[in-house]
C-alpha atoms as a PDB file:
ATOM      1  CA  UNK A   1      -5.625  -8.689  10.675  1.00  0.00           C
ATOM      2  CA  UNK A   2      -9.165  -8.374  12.093  1.00  0.00           C
ATOM      3  CA  UNK A   3      -8.086  -8.882  15.733  1.00  0.00           C
ATOM      4  CA  UNK A   4      -5.517 -10.518  17.970  1.00  0.00           C
ATOM      5  CA  UNK A   5      -8.132 -13.146  18.778  1.00  0.00           C
ATOM      6  CA  UNK A   6      -8.362 -14.017  15.077  1.00  0.00           C
ATOM      7  CA  UNK A   7      -4.566 -14.123  14.816  1.00  0.00           C
ATOM      8  CA  UNK A   8      -4.208 -16.535  17.723  1.00  0.00           C
ATOM      9  CA  UNK A   9      -7.079 -18.731  16.522  1.00  0.00           C
ATOM     10  CA  UNK A  10      -5.715 -19.014  12.992  1.00  0.00           C
ATOM     11  CA  UNK A  11      -2.204 -19.669  14.232  1.00  0.00           C
ATOM     12  CA  UNK A  12      -3.454 -22.420  16.550  1.00  0.00           C
ATOM     13  CA  UNK A  13      -5.198 -24.037  13.560  1.00  0.00           C
ATOM     14  CA  UNK A  14      -1.901 -24.231  11.686  1.00  0.00           C
ATOM     15  CA  UNK A  15      -2.296 -21.363   9.221  1.00  0.00           C
ATOM     16  CA  UNK A  16       1.115 -20.177   7.974  1.00  0.00           C
ATOM     17  CA  UNK A  17       1.562 -16.526   8.961  1.00  0.00           C
ATOM     18  CA  UNK A  18       5.261 -16.349   9.778  1.00  0.00           C
ATOM     19  CA  UNK A  19       8.331 -15.265   7.819  1.00  0.00           C
ATOM     20  CA  UNK A  20       8.037 -11.936   6.002  1.00  0.00           C
ATOM     21  CA  UNK A  21       4.306 -11.709   6.743  1.00  0.00           C
ATOM     22  CA  UNK A  22       4.622 -12.173  10.512  1.00  0.00           C
ATOM     23  CA  UNK A  23       5.074  -8.542  11.572  1.00  0.00           C
ATOM     24  CA  UNK A  24       2.161  -7.485   9.366  1.00  0.00           C
ATOM     25  CA  UNK A  25      -0.155 -10.139  10.782  1.00  0.00           C
ATOM     26  CA  UNK A  26       0.824  -9.290  14.355  1.00  0.00           C
ATOM     27  CA  UNK A  27       0.557  -5.518  13.992  1.00  0.00           C
ATOM     28  CA  UNK A  28      -1.354  -4.375  10.922  1.00  0.00           C
ATOM     29  CA  UNK A  29      -5.071  -3.704  11.056  1.00  0.00           C
ATOM     30  CA  UNK A  30      -7.416  -0.836  10.216  1.00  0.00           C
ATOM     31  CA  UNK A  31      -5.950   2.484  11.347  1.00  0.00           C
ATOM     32  CA  UNK A  32      -7.898   4.071  14.194  1.00  0.00           C
ATOM     33  CA  UNK A  33      -8.507   7.811  14.637  1.00  0.00           C
ATOM     34  CA  UNK A  34      -5.828   7.753  17.348  1.00  0.00           C
ATOM     35  CA  UNK A  35      -3.335   6.077  14.985  1.00  0.00           C
ATOM     36  CA  UNK A  36      -3.874   8.775  12.374  1.00  0.00           C
ATOM     37  CA  UNK A  37      -3.915  11.739  14.759  1.00  0.00           C
ATOM     38  CA  UNK A  38      -0.666  10.512  16.374  1.00  0.00           C
ATOM     39  CA  UNK A  39       0.978  10.293  12.956  1.00  0.00           C
ATOM     40  CA  UNK A  40      -0.248  13.772  11.996  1.00  0.00           C
ATOM     41  CA  UNK A  41       1.022  15.189  15.296  1.00  0.00           C
ATOM     42  CA  UNK A  42       4.483  13.776  14.616  1.00  0.00           C
ATOM     43  CA  UNK A  43       4.611  15.146  11.066  1.00  0.00           C
ATOM     44  CA  UNK A  44       3.376  18.562  12.198  1.00  0.00           C
ATOM     45  CA  UNK A  45       6.439  19.052  14.403  1.00  0.00           C
ATOM     46  CA  UNK A  46       8.691  19.631  11.400  1.00  0.00           C
ATOM     47  CA  UNK A  47       8.839  21.998   8.429  1.00  0.00           C
ATOM     48  CA  UNK A  48      11.028  22.379   5.367  1.00  0.00           C
ATOM     49  CA  UNK A  49      12.610  25.527   3.962  1.00  0.00           C
ATOM     50  CA  UNK A  50       9.203  26.526   2.531  1.00  0.00           C
ATOM     51  CA  UNK A  51       7.391  26.044   5.831  1.00  0.00           C
ATOM     52  CA  UNK A  52       5.692  22.828   4.661  1.00  0.00           C
ATOM     53  CA  UNK A  53       5.393  19.724   6.794  1.00  0.00           C
ATOM     54  CA  UNK A  54       6.607  16.253   5.854  1.00  0.00           C
ATOM     55  CA  UNK A  55       3.826  14.451   3.978  1.00  0.00           C
ATOM     56  CA  UNK A  56       2.889  10.819   3.470  1.00  0.00           C
ATOM     57  CA  UNK A  57       1.687   9.811   0.017  1.00  0.00           C
ATOM     58  CA  UNK A  58      -0.802   7.315   1.437  1.00  0.00           C
ATOM     59  CA  UNK A  59      -1.113   4.687  -1.289  1.00  0.00           C
ATOM     60  CA  UNK A  60      -4.458   3.216  -0.387  1.00  0.00           C
ATOM     61  CA  UNK A  61      -7.162   0.724  -1.309  1.00  0.00           C
ATOM     62  CA  UNK A  62     -10.734   1.768  -1.955  1.00  0.00           C
ATOM     63  CA  UNK A  63     -12.533  -1.475  -1.040  1.00  0.00           C
ATOM     64  CA  UNK A  64     -12.468  -4.797   0.806  1.00  0.00           C
ATOM     65  CA  UNK A  65     -14.252  -8.091   0.160  1.00  0.00           C
ATOM     66  CA  UNK A  66     -17.844  -8.261   1.384  1.00  0.00           C
ATOM     67  CA  UNK A  67     -17.411 -11.564   3.179  1.00  0.00           C
ATOM     68  CA  UNK A  68     -21.061 -11.911   4.126  1.00  0.00           C
ATOM     69  CA  UNK A  69     -22.417 -11.487   0.593  1.00  0.00           C
ATOM     70  CA  UNK A  70     -19.754 -13.775  -0.883  1.00  0.00           C
ATOM     71  CA  UNK A  71     -20.720 -16.509   1.577  1.00  0.00           C
ATOM     72  CA  UNK A  72     -24.436 -15.985   0.997  1.00  0.00           C
ATOM     73  CA  UNK A  73     -23.782 -16.403  -2.718  1.00  0.00           C
ATOM     74  CA  UNK A  74     -22.038 -19.733  -2.064  1.00  0.00           C
ATOM     75  CA  UNK A  75     -18.723 -18.335  -3.357  1.00  0.00           C
ATOM     76  CA  UNK A  76     -20.049 -18.169  -6.915  1.00  0.00           C
ATOM     77  CA  UNK A  77     -19.633 -14.400  -7.259  1.00  0.00           C
ATOM     78  CA  UNK A  78     -17.329 -11.770  -5.785  1.00  0.00           C
ATOM     79  CA  UNK A  79     -18.705  -8.734  -3.933  1.00  0.00           C
ATOM     80  CA  UNK A  80     -16.854  -5.816  -2.390  1.00  0.00           C
ATOM     81  CA  UNK A  81     -17.623  -2.936  -0.041  1.00  0.00           C
ATOM     82  CA  UNK A  82     -16.069   0.578   0.004  1.00  0.00           C
ATOM     83  CA  UNK A  83     -13.373   0.836   2.653  1.00  0.00           C
ATOM     84  CA  UNK A  84     -15.301   3.474   4.616  1.00  0.00           C
ATOM     85  CA  UNK A  85     -18.049   0.856   5.011  1.00  0.00           C
ATOM     86  CA  UNK A  86     -15.428  -1.541   6.410  1.00  0.00           C
ATOM     87  CA  UNK A  87     -14.429   1.174   8.885  1.00  0.00           C
ATOM     88  CA  UNK A  88     -18.079   1.524   9.915  1.00  0.00           C
ATOM     89  CA  UNK A  89     -18.421  -2.228  10.540  1.00  0.00           C
ATOM     90  CA  UNK A  90     -15.358  -2.137  12.764  1.00  0.00           C
ATOM     91  CA  UNK A  91     -16.693   0.842  14.734  1.00  0.00           C
ATOM     92  CA  UNK A  92     -14.071   3.172  13.241  1.00  0.00           C
ATOM     93  CA  UNK A  93     -16.201   5.552  11.173  1.00  0.00           C
ATOM     94  CA  UNK A  94     -14.449   8.563  12.710  1.00  0.00           C
ATOM     95  CA  UNK A  95     -11.187   7.423  11.125  1.00  0.00           C
ATOM     96  CA  UNK A  96     -12.445   8.516   7.705  1.00  0.00           C
ATOM     97  CA  UNK A  97     -12.780  12.063   9.043  1.00  0.00           C
ATOM     98  CA  UNK A  98      -9.098  11.897   9.920  1.00  0.00           C
ATOM     99  CA  UNK A  99      -8.317  10.874   6.330  1.00  0.00           C
ATOM    100  CA  UNK A 100     -10.072  14.057   5.185  1.00  0.00           C
ATOM    101  CA  UNK A 101      -8.208  16.111   7.782  1.00  0.00           C
ATOM    102  CA  UNK A 102      -4.904  14.682   6.616  1.00  0.00           C
ATOM    103  CA  UNK A 103      -5.682  15.740   3.044  1.00  0.00           C
ATOM    104  CA  UNK A 104      -6.748  19.242   4.100  1.00  0.00           C
ATOM    105  CA  UNK A 105      -3.594  19.746   6.152  1.00  0.00           C
ATOM    106  CA  UNK A 106      -1.370  18.126   3.477  1.00  0.00           C
ATOM    107  CA  UNK A 107       0.043  15.584   5.891  1.00  0.00           C
ATOM    108  CA  UNK A 108      -1.543  12.439   4.451  1.00  0.00           C
ATOM    109  CA  UNK A 109      -2.496  12.530   0.769  1.00  0.00           C
ATOM    110  CA  UNK A 110      -4.039   9.317  -0.620  1.00  0.00           C
ATOM    111  CA  UNK A 111      -3.127   7.890  -4.006  1.00  0.00           C
ATOM    112  CA  UNK A 112      -4.174   4.609  -5.642  1.00  0.00           C
ATOM    113  CA  UNK A 113      -2.935   1.194  -4.508  1.00  0.00           C
ATOM    114  CA  UNK A 114      -5.734  -0.790  -6.145  1.00  0.00           C
ATOM    115  CA  UNK A 115      -9.323  -1.597  -5.309  1.00  0.00           C
ATOM    116  CA  UNK A 116      -8.352  -4.359  -2.826  1.00  0.00           C
ATOM    117  CA  UNK A 117      -5.027  -5.720  -1.581  1.00  0.00           C
ATOM    118  CA  UNK A 118      -6.317  -9.044  -2.865  1.00  0.00           C
ATOM    119  CA  UNK A 119      -5.920 -11.188  -5.959  1.00  0.00           C
ATOM    120  CA  UNK A 120      -9.655 -11.647  -6.436  1.00  0.00           C
ATOM    121  CA  UNK A 121      -9.447 -14.230  -9.243  1.00  0.00           C
ATOM    122  CA  UNK A 122      -7.005 -16.576  -7.470  1.00  0.00           C
ATOM    123  CA  UNK A 123      -8.785 -16.184  -4.103  1.00  0.00           C
ATOM    124  CA  UNK A 124     -12.269 -16.864  -5.451  1.00  0.00           C
ATOM    125  CA  UNK A 125     -10.998 -19.867  -7.380  1.00  0.00           C
ATOM    126  CA  UNK A 126      -9.564 -21.332  -4.185  1.00  0.00           C
ATOM    127  CA  UNK A 127     -12.787 -20.613  -2.266  1.00  0.00           C
ATOM    128  CA  UNK A 128     -14.897 -22.360  -4.902  1.00  0.00           C
ATOM    129  CA  UNK A 129     -12.528 -25.338  -4.775  1.00  0.00           C
ATOM    130  CA  UNK A 130     -13.073 -25.427  -0.996  1.00  0.00           C
ATOM    131  CA  UNK A 131      -9.369 -24.983  -0.248  1.00  0.00           C
ATOM    132  CA  UNK A 132      -9.157 -25.712   3.495  1.00  0.00           C
ATOM    133  CA  UNK A 133      -6.774 -22.922   4.509  1.00  0.00           C
ATOM    134  CA  UNK A 134      -8.417 -20.287   2.332  1.00  0.00           C
ATOM    135  CA  UNK A 135     -11.884 -21.140   3.695  1.00  0.00           C
ATOM    136  CA  UNK A 136     -10.532 -21.174   7.249  1.00  0.00           C
ATOM    137  CA  UNK A 137      -9.053 -17.690   6.882  1.00  0.00           C
ATOM    138  CA  UNK A 138     -12.245 -16.520   5.143  1.00  0.00           C
ATOM    139  CA  UNK A 139     -14.303 -17.511   8.182  1.00  0.00           C
ATOM    140  CA  UNK A 140     -12.255 -15.016  10.205  1.00  0.00           C
ATOM    141  CA  UNK A 141     -12.572 -12.232   7.609  1.00  0.00           C
ATOM    142  CA  UNK A 142      -8.952 -12.611   6.537  1.00  0.00           C
ATOM    143  CA  UNK A 143      -6.802 -13.649   3.559  1.00  0.00           C
ATOM    144  CA  UNK A 144      -3.238 -12.426   4.237  1.00  0.00           C
ATOM    145  CA  UNK A 145      -1.588 -15.726   5.122  1.00  0.00           C
ATOM    146  CA  UNK A 146       1.194 -17.525   3.253  1.00  0.00           C
ATOM    147  CA  UNK A 147      -1.120 -19.254   0.800  1.00  0.00           C
ATOM    148  CA  UNK A 148      -0.043 -22.156  -1.367  1.00  0.00           C
ATOM    149  CA  UNK A 149      -0.331 -21.726  -5.123  1.00  0.00           C
ATOM    150  CA  UNK A 150       1.009 -23.725  -8.045  1.00  0.00           C
ATOM    151  CA  UNK A 151       2.535 -20.600  -9.627  1.00  0.00           C
ATOM    152  CA  UNK A 152       3.415 -18.833  -6.391  1.00  0.00           C
ATOM    153  CA  UNK A 153       0.641 -16.242  -6.725  1.00  0.00           C
ATOM    154  CA  UNK A 154       0.139 -14.546  -3.358  1.00  0.00           C
ATOM    155  CA  UNK A 155      -3.382 -13.480  -2.441  1.00  0.00           C
ATOM    156  CA  UNK A 156      -1.854 -10.135  -1.416  1.00  0.00           C
ATOM    157  CA  UNK A 157      -0.521  -9.514  -4.947  1.00  0.00           C
ATOM    158  CA  UNK A 158      -3.694  -8.078  -6.451  1.00  0.00           C
ATOM    159  CA  UNK A 159      -2.444  -7.909 -10.053  1.00  0.00           C
ATOM    160  CA  UNK A 160      -0.333 -11.033 -10.321  1.00  0.00           C
ATOM    161  CA  UNK A 161      -1.655 -13.404 -12.990  1.00  0.00           C
ATOM    162  CA  UNK A 162      -2.641 -17.036 -12.602  1.00  0.00           C
ATOM    163  CA  UNK A 163      -3.884 -17.050 -16.203  1.00  0.00           C
ATOM    164  CA  UNK A 164      -3.989 -14.334 -18.848  1.00  0.00           C
ATOM    165  CA  UNK A 165      -7.778 -14.620 -18.736  1.00  0.00           C
ATOM    166  CA  UNK A 166      -7.627 -13.019 -15.275  1.00  0.00           C
ATOM    167  CA  UNK A 167      -6.633  -9.742 -16.919  1.00  0.00           C
ATOM    168  CA  UNK A 168     -10.327  -8.959 -17.321  1.00  0.00           C
ATOM    169  CA  UNK A 169     -10.794  -9.198 -13.543  1.00  0.00           C
ATOM    170  CA  UNK A 170      -7.817  -6.864 -13.112  1.00  0.00           C
ATOM    171  CA  UNK A 171      -9.194  -4.352 -15.592  1.00  0.00           C
ATOM    172  CA  UNK A 172     -12.499  -4.269 -13.744  1.00  0.00           C
ATOM    173  CA  UNK A 173     -10.710  -3.785 -10.403  1.00  0.00           C
ATOM    174  CA  UNK A 174      -8.709  -0.846 -11.774  1.00  0.00           C
ATOM    175  CA  UNK A 175     -11.644   0.943 -13.417  1.00  0.00           C
ATOM    176  CA  UNK A 176     -14.082   0.522 -10.528  1.00  0.00           C
ATOM    177  CA  UNK A 177     -11.303   1.158  -8.003  1.00  0.00           C
ATOM    178  CA  UNK A 178     -10.273   4.461  -9.589  1.00  0.00           C
ATOM    179  CA  UNK A 179     -13.893   5.559  -9.909  1.00  0.00           C
ATOM    180  CA  UNK A 180     -14.464   4.751  -6.239  1.00  0.00           C
ATOM    181  CA  UNK A 181     -11.257   6.588  -5.296  1.00  0.00           C
ATOM    182  CA  UNK A 182     -12.585   9.803  -6.837  1.00  0.00           C
ATOM    183  CA  UNK A 183     -15.972   9.339  -5.173  1.00  0.00           C
ATOM    184  CA  UNK A 184     -14.393   8.804  -1.739  1.00  0.00           C
ATOM    185  CA  UNK A 185     -11.694  11.487  -1.844  1.00  0.00           C
ATOM    186  CA  UNK A 186     -13.085  14.100  -4.216  1.00  0.00           C
ATOM    187  CA  UNK A 187     -10.206  14.053  -6.712  1.00  0.00           C
ATOM    188  CA  UNK A 188      -8.750  11.708  -9.308  1.00  0.00           C
ATOM    189  CA  UNK A 189      -5.785   9.532  -8.398  1.00  0.00           C
ATOM    190  CA  UNK A 190      -2.606  10.417 -10.324  1.00  0.00           C
ATOM    191  CA  UNK A 191      -0.235   7.818  -8.874  1.00  0.00           C
ATOM    192  CA  UNK A 192      -0.698   4.023  -8.927  1.00  0.00           C
ATOM    193  CA  UNK A 193       1.308   1.577  -6.791  1.00  0.00           C
ATOM    194  CA  UNK A 194       0.305  -2.049  -7.582  1.00  0.00           C
ATOM    195  CA  UNK A 195       0.170  -4.178  -4.377  1.00  0.00           C
ATOM    196  CA  UNK A 196       3.291  -6.314  -3.868  1.00  0.00           C
ATOM    197  CA  UNK A 197       4.622  -5.273  -7.272  1.00  0.00           C
ATOM    198  CA  UNK A 198       3.539  -7.786  -9.975  1.00  0.00           C
ATOM    199  CA  UNK A 199       1.316  -6.436 -12.753  1.00  0.00           C
ATOM    200  CA  UNK A 200       0.910  -6.955 -16.465  1.00  0.00           C
ATOM    201  CA  UNK A 201       2.117  -3.757 -18.111  1.00  0.00           C
ATOM    202  CA  UNK A 202      -0.796  -3.661 -20.551  1.00  0.00           C
ATOM    203  CA  UNK A 203      -2.842  -2.373 -17.602  1.00  0.00           C
ATOM    204  CA  UNK A 204      -0.817   0.851 -17.485  1.00  0.00           C
ATOM    205  CA  UNK A 205      -2.733   2.170 -20.521  1.00  0.00           C
ATOM    206  CA  UNK A 206      -6.051   1.558 -18.765  1.00  0.00           C
ATOM    207  CA  UNK A 207      -4.816   3.450 -15.700  1.00  0.00           C
ATOM    208  CA  UNK A 208      -3.653   6.272 -17.992  1.00  0.00           C
ATOM    209  CA  UNK A 209      -7.137   6.481 -19.525  1.00  0.00           C
ATOM    210  CA  UNK A 210      -8.490   7.141 -16.018  1.00  0.00           C
ATOM    211  CA  UNK A 211      -6.008   9.898 -15.203  1.00  0.00           C
ATOM    212  CA  UNK A 212      -3.017   8.048 -13.691  1.00  0.00           C
ATOM    213  CA  UNK A 213       0.106   9.969 -14.695  1.00  0.00           C
ATOM    214  CA  UNK A 214       2.674   8.204 -12.520  1.00  0.00           C
ATOM    215  CA  UNK A 215       3.373   4.516 -11.923  1.00  0.00           C
ATOM    216  CA  UNK A 216       5.369   3.030  -9.060  1.00  0.00           C
ATOM    217  CA  UNK A 217       7.738   0.212  -9.830  1.00  0.00           C
ATOM    218  CA  UNK A 218      10.872  -1.414  -8.534  1.00  0.00           C
ATOM    219  CA  UNK A 219      14.077  -0.836 -10.488  1.00  0.00           C
ATOM    220  CA  UNK A 220      13.844  -4.411 -11.731  1.00  0.00           C
ATOM    221  CA  UNK A 221      10.139  -5.071 -12.256  1.00  0.00           C
ATOM    222  CA  UNK A 222       8.659  -8.562 -12.407  1.00  0.00           C
ATOM    223  CA  UNK A 223       5.949  -8.264 -15.061  1.00  0.00           C
ATOM    224  CA  UNK A 224       3.195 -10.844 -14.589  1.00  0.00           C
ATOM    225  CA  UNK A 225       2.630 -12.919 -17.739  1.00  0.00           C
ATOM    226  CA  UNK A 226       0.473 -15.747 -16.343  1.00  0.00           C
ATOM    227  CA  UNK A 227       1.098 -19.444 -15.848  1.00  0.00           C
ATOM    228  CA  UNK A 228       4.070 -18.777 -13.580  1.00  0.00           C
ATOM    229  CA  UNK A 229       5.859 -16.804 -16.304  1.00  0.00           C
ATOM    230  CA  UNK A 230       7.338 -13.367 -15.688  1.00  0.00           C
ATOM    231  CA  UNK A 231       9.250 -10.759 -17.638  1.00  0.00           C
ATOM    232  CA  UNK A 232      12.066  -8.610 -16.271  1.00  0.00           C
ATOM    233  CA  UNK A 233      11.682  -4.900 -16.964  1.00  0.00           C
ATOM    234  CA  UNK A 234      14.296  -2.319 -15.995  1.00  0.00           C
ATOM    235  CA  UNK A 235      13.163   1.094 -14.762  1.00  0.00           C
ATOM    236  CA  UNK A 236      14.604   4.306 -13.345  1.00  0.00           C
ATOM    237  CA  UNK A 237      13.195   7.352 -11.608  1.00  0.00           C
ATOM    238  CA  UNK A 238      11.512   9.617 -14.147  1.00  0.00           C
ATOM    239  CA  UNK A 239      11.555   7.069 -16.985  1.00  0.00           C
ATOM    240  CA  UNK A 240       8.643   7.561 -19.378  1.00  0.00           C
ATOM    241  CA  UNK A 241       6.582   4.696 -20.785  1.00  0.00           C
ATOM    242  CA  UNK A 242       4.814   4.570 -24.160  1.00  0.00           C
ATOM    243  CA  UNK A 243       1.680   6.105 -22.606  1.00  0.00           C
ATOM    244  CA  UNK A 244       3.624   9.151 -21.420  1.00  0.00           C
ATOM    245  CA  UNK A 245       3.407   8.074 -17.766  1.00  0.00           C
ATOM    246  CA  UNK A 246       6.464   8.512 -15.543  1.00  0.00           C
ATOM    247  CA  UNK A 247       7.854   5.744 -13.337  1.00  0.00           C
ATOM    248  CA  UNK A 248       8.629   6.693  -9.749  1.00  0.00           C
ATOM    249  CA  UNK A 249      11.101   4.352  -8.058  1.00  0.00           C
ATOM    250  CA  UNK A 250      12.030   4.327  -4.367  1.00  0.00           C
ATOM    251  CA  UNK A 251      15.603   4.679  -3.174  1.00  0.00           C
ATOM    252  CA  UNK A 252      15.269   5.004   0.623  1.00  0.00           C
ATOM    253  CA  UNK A 253      13.582   2.620   3.057  1.00  0.00           C
ATOM    254  CA  UNK A 254      12.299   3.117   6.583  1.00  0.00           C
ATOM    255  CA  UNK A 255      10.699   0.160   8.391  1.00  0.00           C
ATOM    256  CA  UNK A 256      11.224   0.718  12.141  1.00  0.00           C
ATOM    257  CA  UNK A 257       8.789  -2.082  13.000  1.00  0.00           C
ATOM    258  CA  UNK A 258      11.354  -4.521  11.643  1.00  0.00           C
ATOM    259  CA  UNK A 259      13.900  -4.542  14.447  1.00  0.00           C
ATOM    260  CA  UNK A 260      16.747  -6.158  12.522  1.00  0.00           C
ATOM    261  CA  UNK A 261      18.756  -2.934  12.071  1.00  0.00           C
ATOM    262  CA  UNK A 262      18.997   0.767  12.902  1.00  0.00           C
ATOM    263  CA  UNK A 263      16.467   2.135  10.448  1.00  0.00           C
ATOM    264  CA  UNK A 264      17.074   5.791  11.295  1.00  0.00           C
ATOM    265  CA  UNK A 265      20.774   5.489  10.529  1.00  0.00           C
ATOM    266  CA  UNK A 266      20.295   3.388   7.391  1.00  0.00           C
ATOM    267  CA  UNK A 267      17.615   5.689   5.956  1.00  0.00           C
ATOM    268  CA  UNK A 268      19.744   8.778   6.632  1.00  0.00           C
ATOM    269  CA  UNK A 269      22.603   7.102   4.774  1.00  0.00           C
ATOM    270  CA  UNK A 270      20.335   6.364   1.800  1.00  0.00           C
ATOM    271  CA  UNK A 271      19.093   9.957   1.748  1.00  0.00           C
ATOM    272  CA  UNK A 272      22.698  11.175   1.786  1.00  0.00           C
ATOM    273  CA  UNK A 273      23.573   8.938  -1.164  1.00  0.00           C
ATOM    274  CA  UNK A 274      20.543  10.137  -3.131  1.00  0.00           C
ATOM    275  CA  UNK A 275      21.443  13.788  -2.569  1.00  0.00           C
ATOM    276  CA  UNK A 276      25.100  13.158  -3.374  1.00  0.00           C
ATOM    277  CA  UNK A 277      24.025  12.015  -6.853  1.00  0.00           C
ATOM    278  CA  UNK A 278      21.585  14.936  -7.228  1.00  0.00           C
ATOM    279  CA  UNK A 279      18.516  12.715  -6.929  1.00  0.00           C
ATOM    280  CA  UNK A 280      15.377  13.144  -4.809  1.00  0.00           C
ATOM    281  CA  UNK A 281      15.112  10.874  -1.773  1.00  0.00           C
ATOM    282  CA  UNK A 282      11.950   8.799  -2.232  1.00  0.00           C
ATOM    283  CA  UNK A 283      11.261   7.083   1.083  1.00  0.00           C
ATOM    284  CA  UNK A 284       9.237   3.884   1.341  1.00  0.00           C
ATOM    285  CA  UNK A 285       7.603   3.273   4.730  1.00  0.00           C
ATOM    286  CA  UNK A 286       4.737   0.830   5.285  1.00  0.00           C
ATOM    287  CA  UNK A 287       1.640   1.746   7.308  1.00  0.00           C
ATOM    288  CA  UNK A 288       2.283  -1.193   9.651  1.00  0.00           C
ATOM    289  CA  UNK A 289       4.971   0.869  11.409  1.00  0.00           C
ATOM    290  CA  UNK A 290       2.385   3.335  12.740  1.00  0.00           C
ATOM    291  CA  UNK A 291      -0.577   1.110  13.650  1.00  0.00           C
ATOM    292  CA  UNK A 292      -1.313   0.551  17.349  1.00  0.00           C
ATOM    293  CA  UNK A 293      -4.711  -1.130  17.650  1.00  0.00           C
ATOM    294  CA  UNK A 294      -3.190  -4.611  17.903  1.00  0.00           C
ATOM    295  CA  UNK A 295       0.097  -3.532  19.480  1.00  0.00           C
ATOM    296  CA  UNK A 296       0.414  -0.069  21.085  1.00  0.00           C
ATOM    297  CA  UNK A 297       4.149  -0.698  21.451  1.00  0.00           C
ATOM    298  CA  UNK A 298       4.454  -1.103  17.681  1.00  0.00           C
ATOM    299  CA  UNK A 299       3.018   2.360  17.034  1.00  0.00           C
ATOM    300  CA  UNK A 300       5.024   3.997  19.813  1.00  0.00           C
ATOM    301  CA  UNK A 301       8.267   2.562  18.434  1.00  0.00           C
ATOM    302  CA  UNK A 302       7.440   3.573  14.867  1.00  0.00           C
ATOM    303  CA  UNK A 303       6.509   7.158  15.723  1.00  0.00           C
ATOM    304  CA  UNK A 304       9.512   7.611  18.002  1.00  0.00           C
ATOM    305  CA  UNK A 305      11.875   6.549  15.246  1.00  0.00           C
ATOM    306  CA  UNK A 306      10.014   8.571  12.599  1.00  0.00           C
ATOM    307  CA  UNK A 307      10.455  11.655  14.774  1.00  0.00           C
ATOM    308  CA  UNK A 308      14.168  10.873  15.169  1.00  0.00           C
ATOM    309  CA  UNK A 309      14.525  10.472  11.390  1.00  0.00           C
ATOM    310  CA  UNK A 310      12.790  13.765  10.614  1.00  0.00           C
ATOM    311  CA  UNK A 311      14.709  15.627  13.317  1.00  0.00           C
ATOM    312  CA  UNK A 312      17.969  14.538  11.705  1.00  0.00           C
ATOM    313  CA  UNK A 313      16.734  15.306   8.189  1.00  0.00           C
ATOM    314  CA  UNK A 314      15.868  18.947   8.919  1.00  0.00           C
ATOM    315  CA  UNK A 315      19.081  19.333  10.916  1.00  0.00           C
ATOM    316  CA  UNK A 316      21.380  17.818   8.268  1.00  0.00           C
ATOM    317  CA  UNK A 317      19.737  19.380   5.191  1.00  0.00           C
ATOM    318  CA  UNK A 318      18.419  22.844   6.023  1.00  0.00           C
ATOM    319  CA  UNK A 319      17.303  23.363   2.404  1.00  0.00           C
ATOM    320  CA  UNK A 320      15.172  20.193   2.391  1.00  0.00           C
ATOM    321  CA  UNK A 321      11.820  20.280   0.558  1.00  0.00           C
ATOM    322  CA  UNK A 322       8.983  17.873   1.418  1.00  0.00           C
ATOM    323  CA  UNK A 323       6.569  16.824  -1.341  1.00  0.00           C
ATOM    324  CA  UNK A 324       4.103  14.134  -2.320  1.00  0.00           C
ATOM    325  CA  UNK A 325       4.870  11.561  -4.981  1.00  0.00           C
ATOM    326  CA  UNK A 326       2.543  13.340  -7.408  1.00  0.00           C
ATOM    327  CA  UNK A 327       4.275  16.647  -6.771  1.00  0.00           C
ATOM    328  CA  UNK A 328       7.611  14.963  -7.444  1.00  0.00           C
ATOM    329  CA  UNK A 329       6.245  13.441 -10.649  1.00  0.00           C
ATOM    330  CA  UNK A 330       5.001  16.851 -11.807  1.00  0.00           C
ATOM    331  CA  UNK A 331       8.381  18.416 -11.015  1.00  0.00           C
ATOM    332  CA  UNK A 332      10.170  15.732 -13.059  1.00  0.00           C
ATOM    333  CA  UNK A 333       7.704  16.139 -15.932  1.00  0.00           C
ATOM    334  CA  UNK A 334       8.167  19.916 -15.990  1.00  0.00           C
ATOM    335  CA  UNK A 335      11.934  19.463 -16.250  1.00  0.00           C
ATOM    336  CA  UNK A 336      12.641  22.017 -13.499  1.00  0.00           C
END
């Protein structure tokens, strides 16, 4: 969300931003240097049996739409800008230095989430058709509302398919996105987490060609087949696909910004179950929980509960080891 002013304006104009998307639209925006340094400070308070801190595998985007150029081109062609350029436009250039610090200190290690958190083909089609809500959100530099679509394709689901012809757009987003990832961070991405889940599995081979060794998926994956059709694919942690890539599934969840339950207690229970069955605890936690530019209270709550979770983890499991998703994937691949 660009700003609280944009949120209130769009809400007053009737744009649907409630339900599951509400807490993201109220709280999630570009992370500031203070957001990142506060997160790093919290993680740095704890160490595992090897003296290493907890670490976030920061699945991240490399670009955002260039709204100005798209508008100048009368919505005929899509343009994007690297995400560090977006930070500059928002007056947050120093935040990128914190990204680099996080990598150096092994607290915050980026991996690939896609080029944008945006279904470019479906979005551009709606813009060219002058869809009222899509154009309205566009004017505020935004697309993350509950958009209407004949096949239920969300603009947030970057690799969902309206038609199979859109696969070419997806291929281009993956290749240019991975190339930009290496340029921005100085290393190749090894782990790919498609936004919101849906993807056509033929794209896994393309990602493999560019160095992606590990794919994130839910245990029951909804493979996008176009035209509203989907396929159900069953996966498990460490499963290998035909390209030799390993699937990494999540089995623990921590979303303290969603106040509907005790997330510390529930996540500890999930970790306990994972360890009982001799499995690693792979924790999913969205960035929205630690962002404070729109709501300082949101960040304070998230960090307080993250600290409580980690305090209990190191207390309950003194032989705990913290690792990134790529490190876990390598450990599984080695068979150790």
